[in-house]
Amino acid sequence: MSADNSSRTEEAEPGAEDGRSAAAEEASAAASRKREQRGWYFYDFAVSVYSASVLTVFLGPYLTSVAKAAADAEGFVHPLGIPVRAGSFFAYSVSASVILAVLLMPIAGAIADRTGRKKPLLAVAAYTGAAATTAMFFLGGERYLLGGFLLVVANASLSVSMVLYNAYLPQISTPDERDTVSSRGWAFGYTAGSLMLIANLALYLGHDSFGVSEGTAVRICLAASGLWWGAFALIPLRRLRDRAVVREPGAAPAVSGWRQLVATFKDMRRYPLTLSFLLAYLIYNDGVQTVISQASIYGSEELELEQSTLIGAVLLVQVLAVGGALGMGRLARVYGAKRTILGSLAAWAVTLAVGYFLPARTPVWFFVLAAMIGLVLGGSQALSRSLFSHLVPAGKEAEYFSAYEMSDRGLSWVGPLVFGLTYQVTGSYRDAIISLVAFFALGFLLLARVPVRRAVEAAGNPVPERI
């Protein structure tokens, strides 16, 4: 009996050792993921200051003032010999940057997928954008062309870097971790944007105390954002690692990227309801992105508000966007994501209508407008992404979300173009801002027509109780 028990113990020991070995490997893998995740968060921390401080607050009004200084007697500048109203130059530059980004993103994505070397590409995109942003310190006098060029380079670099950055998420997190990891990245970004805005506000308001002019203070704020971007990008570049890929013979990476994108959209034709939702999203999200990028121009040029007011308003948006996203998430659990998004689109339209009638030189009403934007901003985007995830066929998540990202950025030049053209024709920023209601109205109508339950079923996914 004793010998038999001893024999069974000896036979069990190898299995126990295998179990301990598997547990140790799992613990090691989890620790490695956590290290990469902590590094990954910091790219959002690095790059979000560009969106919050440069694109949303400082560059629009400052570049517009530089363009106006270079304008002729009729208020036009002439880049490449084309007459452009100085007040439209910033919006046109944003549109040009998006077009360039659309050309570059599939090339960078294809190279990354085929070689597995995302980190070197991320480094190139990050430091190109950071360098262009830092060089904005030299914008002065009548150098509006330099400003437009740096804006195009920085914006396109940002877009390319975000495609590469987001591509790490499935590699550094398990499916159960993904929502938490992604949310923490957003939280890091909002934190960085708020910290930099507070520092910028202190410099801008106290520029006399620091012995610099108002224009110099703005240029320092622009350059500081570029330095921040470059400095904190070092952390993810040190901690993230590339994975080996199986290399397959085929076309060159650039061609492969475009072919894959075309193939994905062709496949989507088998899921017309998914494609219908994507079309609605592209239209109303373009309106969202345009409001974000052009709000400071509207505040400074039409409402004649001080830069300090604009900074404070953007800071308010940053803070309330977090609460708005959480609040709309709770509403979605009660009313469903589709109804909640439709409600947010109606709220966006009302917000723009309120903005149209805002009296000039009344900061308190602009803060009310900022609060309205903040409450609907985070939620409308977060719920759109989660709703789309239900409409993606199993096994094609990365492929479809790549198209989602490309489509998002690919159409987001239309809104700034409409905004710029409206101002070009009418000379009124009020007319330009109210023209964006069309994006939310059309997006609302298209989304309302999508039977999301049937769309989820058609994609082969289980239908949530509330959708």
Protein backbone atom coordinates (compact mmCIF):
# COMPACT_ATOMS: atom_id res chain seq x y z
CA MET A 1 0.00 0.00 0.00
CA SER A 2 2.80 2.37 0.88
CA ALA A 3 4.73 1.47 -2.26
CA ASP A 4 1.65 2.00 -4.38
CA ASN A 5 1.05 5.43 -2.88
CA SER A 6 4.68 6.30 -3.43
CA SER A 7 4.40 5.26 -7.04
CA ARG A 8 1.32 7.42 -7.56
CA THR A 9 3.07 10.37 -5.90
CA GLU A 10 6.05 10.00 -8.18
CA GLU A 11 3.74 9.82 -11.20
CA ALA A 12 1.90 12.98 -10.08
CA GLU A 13 5.01 15.03 -9.54
CA PRO A 14 5.76 15.72 -13.22
CA GLY A 15 2.22 17.03 -13.73
CA ALA A 16 2.51 19.22 -10.66
CA GLU A 17 5.77 20.59 -11.95
CA ASP A 18 4.15 21.29 -15.32
CA GLY A 19 1.34 23.11 -13.55
CA ARG A 20 3.76 25.19 -11.51
CA SER A 21 5.74 25.91 -14.66
CA ALA A 22 2.63 27.02 -16.57
CA ALA A 23 1.56 29.23 -13.65
CA ALA A 24 5.02 30.80 -13.52
CA GLU A 25 4.97 31.45 -17.27
CA GLU A 26 1.50 32.97 -17.02
CA ALA A 27 2.60 35.23 -14.16
CA SER A 28 5.69 36.27 -16.12
CA ALA A 29 3.59 37.02 -19.22
CA ALA A 30 1.15 39.06 -17.11
CA ALA A 31 4.01 41.07 -15.60
CA SER A 32 5.45 41.70 -19.06
CA ARG A 33 2.05 42.88 -20.32
CA LYS A 34 1.65 45.22 -17.35
CA ARG A 35 5.04 46.78 -18.06
CA GLU A 36 4.17 47.36 -21.69
CA GLN A 37 0.73 48.67 -20.77
CA ARG A 38 2.22 51.24 -18.41
CA GLY A 39 4.57 52.36 -21.18
CA TRP A 40 1.73 52.40 -23.72
CA TYR A 41 -0.35 54.78 -21.58
CA PHE A 42 2.38 57.38 -21.82
CA TYR A 43 2.09 57.87 -25.56
CA ASP A 44 -1.42 59.20 -24.98
CA PHE A 45 0.10 61.30 -22.21
CA ALA A 46 2.72 62.56 -24.67
CA VAL A 47 0.59 63.33 -27.70
CA SER A 48 -2.66 64.61 -26.19
CA VAL A 49 -1.13 68.00 -25.41
CA TYR A 50 -0.91 68.62 -29.16
CA SER A 51 -4.66 68.15 -29.62
CA ALA A 52 -5.60 70.06 -26.47
CA SER A 53 -3.19 72.99 -26.57
CA VAL A 54 -1.97 73.35 -30.15
CA LEU A 55 -4.83 72.35 -32.42
CA THR A 56 -7.77 73.28 -30.21
CA VAL A 57 -6.55 76.44 -28.46
CA PHE A 58 -3.50 78.29 -29.72
CA LEU A 59 -2.66 77.53 -33.33
CA GLY A 60 -5.97 78.42 -34.97
CA PRO A 61 -6.23 82.01 -33.69
CA TYR A 62 -2.48 82.64 -33.90
CA LEU A 63 -2.02 81.29 -37.44
CA THR A 64 -5.10 83.26 -38.51
CA SER A 65 -3.54 86.44 -37.10
CA VAL A 66 -0.29 85.71 -38.97
CA ALA A 67 -2.24 85.12 -42.19
CA LYS A 68 -4.15 88.37 -41.70
CA ALA A 69 -0.85 90.23 -41.25
CA ALA A 70 0.26 88.86 -44.63
CA ALA A 71 -3.08 89.50 -46.36
CA ASP A 72 -3.64 92.04 -49.11
CA ALA A 73 -6.00 95.00 -48.83
CA GLU A 74 -9.00 92.77 -49.52
CA GLY A 75 -8.10 90.30 -46.78
CA PHE A 76 -6.73 87.51 -49.01
CA VAL A 77 -3.47 85.58 -48.93
CA HIS A 78 -2.18 83.77 -52.00
CA PRO A 79 -0.55 80.38 -51.23
CA LEU A 80 0.63 78.86 -54.51
CA GLY A 81 -1.04 81.78 -56.27
CA ILE A 82 -4.51 80.76 -55.04
CA PRO A 83 -6.59 83.54 -53.46
CA VAL A 84 -7.65 82.42 -49.97
CA ARG A 85 -9.42 84.54 -47.39
CA ALA A 86 -7.02 84.81 -44.45
CA GLY A 87 -9.70 83.67 -42.02
CA SER A 88 -10.09 80.39 -43.94
CA PHE A 89 -6.39 79.51 -44.15
CA PHE A 90 -6.29 77.50 -40.91
CA ALA A 91 -9.35 75.40 -41.84
CA TYR A 92 -7.91 74.67 -45.29
CA SER A 93 -4.59 73.65 -43.71
CA VAL A 94 -6.37 71.19 -41.43
CA SER A 95 -8.12 69.68 -44.46
CA ALA A 96 -4.80 69.36 -46.32
CA SER A 97 -3.21 67.62 -43.32
CA VAL A 98 -6.01 65.04 -43.21
CA ILE A 99 -5.65 64.30 -46.93
CA LEU A 100 -1.91 63.72 -46.46
CA ALA A 101 -2.59 61.50 -43.44
CA VAL A 102 -5.01 59.36 -45.45
CA LEU A 103 -2.29 58.80 -48.05
CA LEU A 104 0.30 57.84 -45.43
CA MET A 105 -1.68 55.75 -42.94
CA PRO A 106 -2.28 52.64 -45.07
CA ILE A 107 1.37 52.67 -46.18
CA ALA A 108 2.63 52.84 -42.59
CA GLY A 109 0.10 50.24 -41.47
CA ALA A 110 1.04 47.81 -44.24
CA ILE A 111 4.76 48.15 -43.53
CA ALA A 112 4.14 47.61 -39.81
CA ASP A 113 1.97 44.53 -40.42
CA ARG A 114 4.38 42.94 -42.90
CA THR A 115 7.59 43.63 -40.97
CA GLY A 116 6.35 43.63 -37.38
CA ARG A 117 8.46 46.74 -36.76
CA LYS A 118 5.88 49.16 -35.43
CA LYS A 119 8.20 50.77 -32.89
CA PRO A 120 10.69 52.32 -35.37
CA LEU A 121 7.78 53.64 -37.45
CA LEU A 122 6.12 55.02 -34.31
CA ALA A 123 9.38 56.74 -33.39
CA VAL A 124 9.67 58.36 -36.84
CA ALA A 125 6.07 59.58 -36.81
CA ALA A 126 6.25 60.80 -33.20
CA TYR A 127 9.47 62.75 -33.56
CA THR A 128 8.55 64.19 -36.95
CA GLY A 129 5.37 65.55 -35.38
CA ALA A 130 7.13 66.71 -32.23
CA ALA A 131 9.82 68.49 -34.26
CA ALA A 132 7.23 70.25 -36.46
CA THR A 133 5.31 71.36 -33.37
CA THR A 134 8.45 72.62 -31.63
CA ALA A 135 9.37 74.56 -34.79
CA MET A 136 6.13 76.54 -34.45
CA PHE A 137 8.11 78.76 -32.11
CA PHE A 138 9.43 80.43 -35.25
CA LEU A 139 5.98 81.49 -36.50
CA GLY A 140 5.92 85.23 -36.49
CA GLY A 141 5.48 88.24 -38.68
CA GLU A 142 3.90 87.11 -41.94
CA ARG A 143 5.13 83.49 -42.03
CA TYR A 144 1.71 81.99 -42.58
CA LEU A 145 3.03 79.52 -45.20
CA LEU A 146 5.51 78.14 -42.67
CA GLY A 147 2.67 77.80 -40.19
CA GLY A 148 0.49 75.95 -42.69
CA PHE A 149 3.36 73.62 -43.62
CA LEU A 150 4.18 72.80 -39.98
CA LEU A 151 0.50 72.21 -39.21
CA VAL A 152 0.17 69.77 -42.14
CA VAL A 153 3.33 67.86 -41.09
CA ALA A 154 2.41 67.72 -37.39
CA ASN A 155 -1.21 66.70 -37.98
CA ALA A 156 -0.32 63.99 -40.50
CA SER A 157 2.41 62.66 -38.20
CA LEU A 158 -0.05 62.55 -35.32
CA SER A 159 -2.53 60.52 -37.39
CA VAL A 160 0.10 58.02 -38.53
CA SER A 161 1.49 57.63 -35.01
CA MET A 162 -1.99 56.97 -33.58
CA VAL A 163 -2.62 54.16 -36.07
CA LEU A 164 0.64 52.50 -34.97
CA TYR A 165 -0.02 53.22 -31.29
CA ASN A 166 -3.54 51.74 -31.39
CA ALA A 167 -2.23 48.66 -33.21
CA TYR A 168 -0.33 47.71 -30.04
CA LEU A 169 -3.51 47.39 -27.95
CA PRO A 170 -4.43 43.80 -28.98
CA GLN A 171 -0.82 42.73 -28.44
CA ILE A 172 -0.34 44.13 -24.95
CA SER A 173 -3.70 43.16 -23.44
CA THR A 174 -6.00 40.18 -23.23
CA PRO A 175 -9.61 40.57 -24.45
CA ASP A 176 -10.78 40.95 -20.83
CA GLU A 177 -8.22 43.68 -20.16
CA ARG A 178 -8.75 45.67 -23.33
CA ASP A 179 -11.53 48.02 -22.21
CA THR A 180 -9.67 48.89 -19.02
CA VAL A 181 -6.33 49.43 -20.76
CA SER A 182 -7.89 51.57 -23.48
CA SER A 183 -9.81 53.67 -20.93
CA ARG A 184 -6.68 54.27 -18.87
CA GLY A 185 -4.90 55.48 -21.98
CA TRP A 186 -7.68 58.04 -22.54
CA ALA A 187 -7.45 59.06 -18.88
CA PHE A 188 -3.70 59.64 -19.19
CA GLY A 189 -4.33 61.77 -22.27
CA TYR A 190 -6.99 63.93 -20.62
CA THR A 191 -4.69 64.37 -17.61
CA ALA A 192 -1.80 65.54 -19.77
CA GLY A 193 -4.02 67.90 -21.75
CA SER A 194 -5.33 69.47 -18.56
CA LEU A 195 -1.86 69.86 -16.99
CA MET A 196 -0.42 71.53 -20.08
CA LEU A 197 -3.42 73.83 -20.43
CA ILE A 198 -3.02 74.97 -16.82
CA ALA A 199 0.68 75.70 -17.41
CA ASN A 200 -0.12 77.49 -20.67
CA LEU A 201 -2.81 79.57 -19.00
CA ALA A 202 -0.35 80.65 -16.31
CA LEU A 203 2.25 81.65 -18.91
CA TYR A 204 -0.23 83.40 -21.17
CA LEU A 205 -1.92 85.40 -18.41
CA GLY A 206 1.38 86.28 -16.75
CA HIS A 207 3.43 86.93 -19.87
CA ASP A 208 4.28 90.45 -18.71
CA SER A 209 5.63 89.04 -15.44
CA PHE A 210 7.83 86.67 -17.44
CA GLY A 211 9.06 89.54 -19.60
CA VAL A 212 7.66 88.26 -22.91
CA SER A 213 5.04 89.58 -25.29
CA GLU A 214 1.67 87.93 -25.81
CA GLY A 215 2.72 86.57 -29.22
CA THR A 216 5.95 85.17 -27.80
CA ALA A 217 4.00 83.52 -24.98
CA VAL A 218 1.78 81.78 -27.56
CA ARG A 219 4.82 80.59 -29.52
CA ILE A 220 6.40 79.25 -26.32
CA CYS A 221 3.19 77.35 -25.57
CA LEU A 222 3.23 75.82 -29.07
CA ALA A 223 6.88 74.81 -28.81
CA ALA A 224 6.47 73.46 -25.27
CA SER A 225 3.79 71.08 -26.54
CA GLY A 226 6.24 69.73 -29.11
CA LEU A 227 8.93 69.26 -26.46
CA TRP A 228 6.44 67.51 -24.16
CA TRP A 229 5.40 65.20 -27.01
CA GLY A 230 9.00 64.26 -27.76
CA ALA A 231 10.07 63.85 -24.13
CA PHE A 232 7.25 61.57 -22.97
CA ALA A 233 7.30 59.54 -26.21
CA LEU A 234 10.58 58.09 -24.93
CA ILE A 235 8.71 56.06 -22.29
CA PRO A 236 6.54 53.96 -24.65
CA LEU A 237 9.44 53.63 -27.10
CA ARG A 238 11.54 52.12 -24.31
CA ARG A 239 8.88 49.76 -22.98
CA LEU A 240 6.95 48.59 -26.04
CA ARG A 241 8.45 45.74 -28.05
CA ASP A 242 7.95 44.49 -31.57
CA ARG A 243 6.69 40.99 -32.31
CA ALA A 244 8.01 38.70 -35.02
CA VAL A 245 5.62 38.11 -37.92
CA VAL A 246 5.35 35.43 -40.54
CA ARG A 247 6.43 37.09 -43.75
CA GLU A 248 4.45 36.15 -46.80
CA PRO A 249 5.47 36.80 -50.39
CA GLY A 250 3.38 39.38 -52.14
CA ALA A 251 3.12 42.96 -53.21
CA ALA A 252 5.15 45.81 -51.82
CA PRO A 253 3.92 47.04 -48.41
CA ALA A 254 2.35 50.24 -49.76
CA VAL A 255 0.38 48.38 -52.41
CA SER A 256 -0.54 45.67 -49.92
CA GLY A 257 -1.91 48.28 -47.51
CA TRP A 258 -4.19 49.81 -50.12
CA ARG A 259 -5.26 46.40 -51.40
CA GLN A 260 -6.16 45.29 -47.89
CA LEU A 261 -8.18 48.45 -47.31
CA VAL A 262 -10.05 47.94 -50.60
CA ALA A 263 -10.61 44.26 -49.78
CA THR A 264 -12.05 45.15 -46.37
CA PHE A 265 -14.56 47.59 -47.85
CA LYS A 266 -15.51 44.99 -50.48
CA ASP A 267 -16.11 42.47 -47.70
CA MET A 268 -18.27 45.01 -45.88
CA ARG A 269 -20.71 44.89 -48.80
CA ARG A 270 -21.74 41.48 -47.45
CA TYR A 271 -22.86 43.34 -44.30
CA PRO A 272 -24.77 46.36 -45.70
CA LEU A 273 -26.21 47.30 -42.31
CA THR A 274 -22.71 47.54 -40.83
CA LEU A 275 -21.74 49.72 -43.79
CA SER A 276 -24.84 51.88 -43.23
CA PHE A 277 -23.83 52.52 -39.63
CA LEU A 278 -20.28 53.34 -40.70
CA LEU A 279 -21.57 55.91 -43.22
CA ALA A 280 -23.71 57.60 -40.56
CA TYR A 281 -20.77 57.65 -38.15
CA LEU A 282 -18.42 59.17 -40.73
CA ILE A 283 -20.79 62.05 -41.34
CA TYR A 284 -21.68 63.01 -37.78
CA ASN A 285 -18.15 62.39 -36.48
CA ASP A 286 -16.84 64.79 -39.11
CA GLY A 287 -19.08 67.41 -37.56
CA VAL A 288 -17.69 66.57 -34.10
CA GLN A 289 -14.08 66.85 -35.25
CA THR A 290 -14.73 70.15 -37.03
CA VAL A 291 -16.33 71.71 -33.95
CA ILE A 292 -13.29 70.67 -31.90
CA SER A 293 -10.76 72.13 -34.34
CA GLN A 294 -12.65 75.34 -35.22
CA ALA A 295 -14.21 76.34 -31.88
CA SER A 296 -11.24 78.48 -30.86
CA ILE A 297 -11.35 80.36 -34.17
CA TYR A 298 -15.05 81.06 -33.62
CA GLY A 299 -14.42 82.19 -30.07
CA SER A 300 -11.52 84.51 -30.90
CA GLU A 301 -12.64 85.94 -34.24
CA GLU A 302 -16.43 86.08 -34.00
CA LEU A 303 -17.04 86.33 -30.27
CA GLU A 304 -13.91 88.45 -29.66
CA LEU A 305 -12.87 86.48 -26.59
CA GLU A 306 -9.49 86.59 -24.91
CA GLN A 307 -7.08 83.68 -25.29
CA SER A 308 -7.31 83.04 -21.55
CA THR A 309 -11.06 82.47 -21.93
CA LEU A 310 -10.48 79.98 -24.73
CA ILE A 311 -7.92 78.07 -22.67
CA GLY A 312 -10.27 77.91 -19.70
CA ALA A 313 -13.13 76.72 -21.92
CA VAL A 314 -11.05 73.94 -23.45
CA LEU A 315 -9.93 72.89 -19.97
CA LEU A 316 -13.59 72.71 -18.96
CA VAL A 317 -14.32 70.54 -22.01
CA GLN A 318 -11.47 68.18 -21.06
CA VAL A 319 -12.81 67.70 -17.54
CA LEU A 320 -16.49 67.36 -18.44
CA ALA A 321 -15.79 64.97 -21.35
CA VAL A 322 -14.84 62.26 -18.84
CA GLY A 323 -18.04 62.72 -16.82
CA GLY A 324 -20.11 62.99 -19.99
CA ALA A 325 -18.76 59.72 -21.31
CA LEU A 326 -19.51 57.92 -18.04
CA GLY A 327 -22.99 59.47 -17.82
CA MET A 328 -23.89 58.57 -21.39
CA GLY A 329 -22.61 55.06 -20.75
CA ARG A 330 -25.16 54.75 -17.94
CA LEU A 331 -27.90 56.10 -20.21
CA ALA A 332 -26.95 53.51 -22.83
CA ARG A 333 -27.48 50.73 -20.29
CA VAL A 334 -31.07 51.96 -19.82
CA TYR A 335 -32.05 53.20 -23.29
CA GLY A 336 -29.54 51.44 -25.55
CA ALA A 337 -26.50 52.81 -27.36
CA LYS A 338 -28.34 53.79 -30.55
CA ARG A 339 -30.96 55.92 -28.80
CA THR A 340 -28.31 57.52 -26.61
CA ILE A 341 -26.17 58.42 -29.63
CA LEU A 342 -29.22 59.85 -31.42
CA GLY A 343 -29.91 61.96 -28.33
CA SER A 344 -26.32 63.18 -28.32
CA LEU A 345 -26.57 64.18 -32.00
CA ALA A 346 -29.68 66.21 -31.24
CA ALA A 347 -27.76 67.81 -28.36
CA TRP A 348 -24.88 68.64 -30.72
CA ALA A 349 -27.28 70.40 -33.11
CA VAL A 350 -28.81 72.39 -30.23
CA THR A 351 -25.31 73.29 -29.02
CA LEU A 352 -24.38 74.73 -32.43
CA ALA A 353 -27.66 76.67 -32.56
CA VAL A 354 -26.87 78.14 -29.15
CA GLY A 355 -23.37 78.97 -30.38
CA TYR A 356 -24.78 80.81 -33.40
CA PHE A 357 -26.74 83.19 -31.18
CA LEU A 358 -24.04 83.79 -28.55
CA PRO A 359 -23.39 87.50 -28.03
CA ALA A 360 -19.84 88.72 -28.53
CA ARG A 361 -17.53 89.53 -25.60
CA THR A 362 -19.56 87.47 -23.06
CA PRO A 363 -17.22 84.78 -21.69
CA VAL A 364 -19.84 83.29 -19.36
CA TRP A 365 -21.99 82.14 -22.30
CA PHE A 366 -18.97 80.68 -24.06
CA PHE A 367 -18.29 78.62 -20.92
CA VAL A 368 -21.90 77.40 -21.07
CA LEU A 369 -21.28 76.37 -24.68
CA ALA A 370 -18.04 74.60 -23.66
CA ALA A 371 -19.91 72.73 -20.92
CA MET A 372 -22.51 71.56 -23.44
CA ILE A 373 -19.76 70.34 -25.79
CA GLY A 374 -17.91 68.56 -23.00
CA LEU A 375 -21.00 66.68 -21.83
CA VAL A 376 -21.71 65.18 -25.29
CA LEU A 377 -18.16 64.90 -26.68
CA GLY A 378 -16.73 61.84 -24.94
CA GLY A 379 -19.97 59.87 -24.86
CA SER A 380 -20.90 60.21 -28.52
CA GLN A 381 -17.48 58.95 -29.61
CA ALA A 382 -17.15 56.18 -27.01
CA LEU A 383 -20.63 54.77 -27.67
CA SER A 384 -20.12 54.91 -31.43
CA ARG A 385 -17.03 52.72 -31.09
CA SER A 386 -18.76 50.24 -28.79
CA LEU A 387 -21.83 50.04 -31.03
CA PHE A 388 -19.66 49.41 -34.09
CA SER A 389 -17.91 46.58 -32.25
CA HIS A 390 -21.23 44.68 -32.18
CA LEU A 391 -21.54 45.00 -35.97
CA VAL A 392 -18.14 43.46 -36.76
CA PRO A 393 -18.08 39.79 -37.87
CA ALA A 394 -16.09 37.53 -35.52
CA GLY A 395 -12.48 37.07 -36.55
CA LYS A 396 -12.36 40.33 -38.50
CA GLU A 397 -12.10 42.79 -35.60
CA ALA A 398 -8.69 44.26 -36.47
CA GLU A 399 -9.47 44.43 -40.18
CA TYR A 400 -12.78 46.24 -39.68
CA PHE A 401 -11.48 48.58 -37.01
CA SER A 402 -8.61 49.53 -39.31
CA ALA A 403 -11.21 50.58 -41.88
CA TYR A 404 -13.10 52.39 -39.10
CA GLU A 405 -9.98 54.39 -38.21
CA MET A 406 -9.12 55.09 -41.86
CA SER A 407 -12.66 56.13 -42.69
CA ASP A 408 -12.83 58.34 -39.61
CA ARG A 409 -9.76 60.32 -40.59
CA GLY A 410 -10.38 59.98 -44.30
CA LEU A 411 -13.60 62.00 -44.28
CA SER A 412 -12.74 64.44 -41.49
CA TRP A 413 -11.40 66.98 -43.99
CA VAL A 414 -14.89 67.69 -45.34
CA GLY A 415 -16.12 69.52 -42.24
CA PRO A 416 -13.20 71.99 -42.07
CA LEU A 417 -13.56 72.49 -45.82
CA VAL A 418 -17.27 73.30 -45.49
CA PHE A 419 -16.49 75.60 -42.56
CA GLY A 420 -13.76 77.37 -44.56
CA LEU A 421 -15.83 77.65 -47.74
CA THR A 422 -18.82 79.03 -45.84
CA TYR A 423 -16.64 81.71 -44.30
CA GLN A 424 -14.99 82.35 -47.68
CA VAL A 425 -18.38 82.99 -49.30
CA THR A 426 -20.19 84.80 -46.48
CA GLY A 427 -17.37 86.34 -44.45
CA SER A 428 -19.26 85.26 -41.30
CA TYR A 429 -18.06 82.74 -38.75
CA ARG A 430 -21.62 82.49 -37.43
CA ASP A 431 -22.74 81.18 -40.80
CA ALA A 432 -19.71 78.86 -40.84
CA ILE A 433 -20.51 77.35 -37.43
CA ILE A 434 -24.22 76.86 -38.14
CA SER A 435 -23.39 75.13 -41.44
CA LEU A 436 -22.06 72.20 -39.38
CA VAL A 437 -25.58 71.38 -38.18
CA ALA A 438 -26.02 69.62 -41.53
CA PHE A 439 -23.48 66.94 -40.49
CA PHE A 440 -25.39 66.13 -37.29
CA ALA A 441 -28.80 66.24 -38.96
CA LEU A 442 -27.77 63.94 -41.81
CA GLY A 443 -25.91 61.63 -39.45
CA PHE A 444 -29.01 61.47 -37.21
CA LEU A 445 -31.27 60.53 -40.12
CA LEU A 446 -28.90 57.85 -41.43
CA LEU A 447 -28.33 56.31 -37.99
CA ALA A 448 -32.06 56.32 -37.21
CA ARG A 449 -32.64 54.19 -40.32
CA VAL A 450 -30.15 51.49 -39.23
CA PRO A 451 -31.95 48.50 -37.60
CA VAL A 452 -29.14 47.75 -35.18
CA ARG A 453 -30.59 44.50 -33.82
CA ARG A 454 -30.82 43.04 -37.32
CA ALA A 455 -27.33 44.45 -38.03
CA VAL A 456 -25.89 42.62 -35.02
CA GLU A 457 -27.62 39.40 -36.02
CA ALA A 458 -26.43 39.75 -39.62
CA ALA A 459 -22.85 40.06 -38.38
CA GLY A 460 -23.30 36.75 -36.53
CA ASN A 461 -23.01 38.23 -33.03
CA PRO A 462 -25.24 37.79 -29.96
CA VAL A 463 -27.67 40.68 -29.55
CA PRO A 464 -27.33 42.54 -26.21
CA GLU A 465 -30.47 43.16 -24.18
CA ARG A 466 -30.02 46.91 -24.74
CA ILE A 467 -28.58 48.05 -28.06
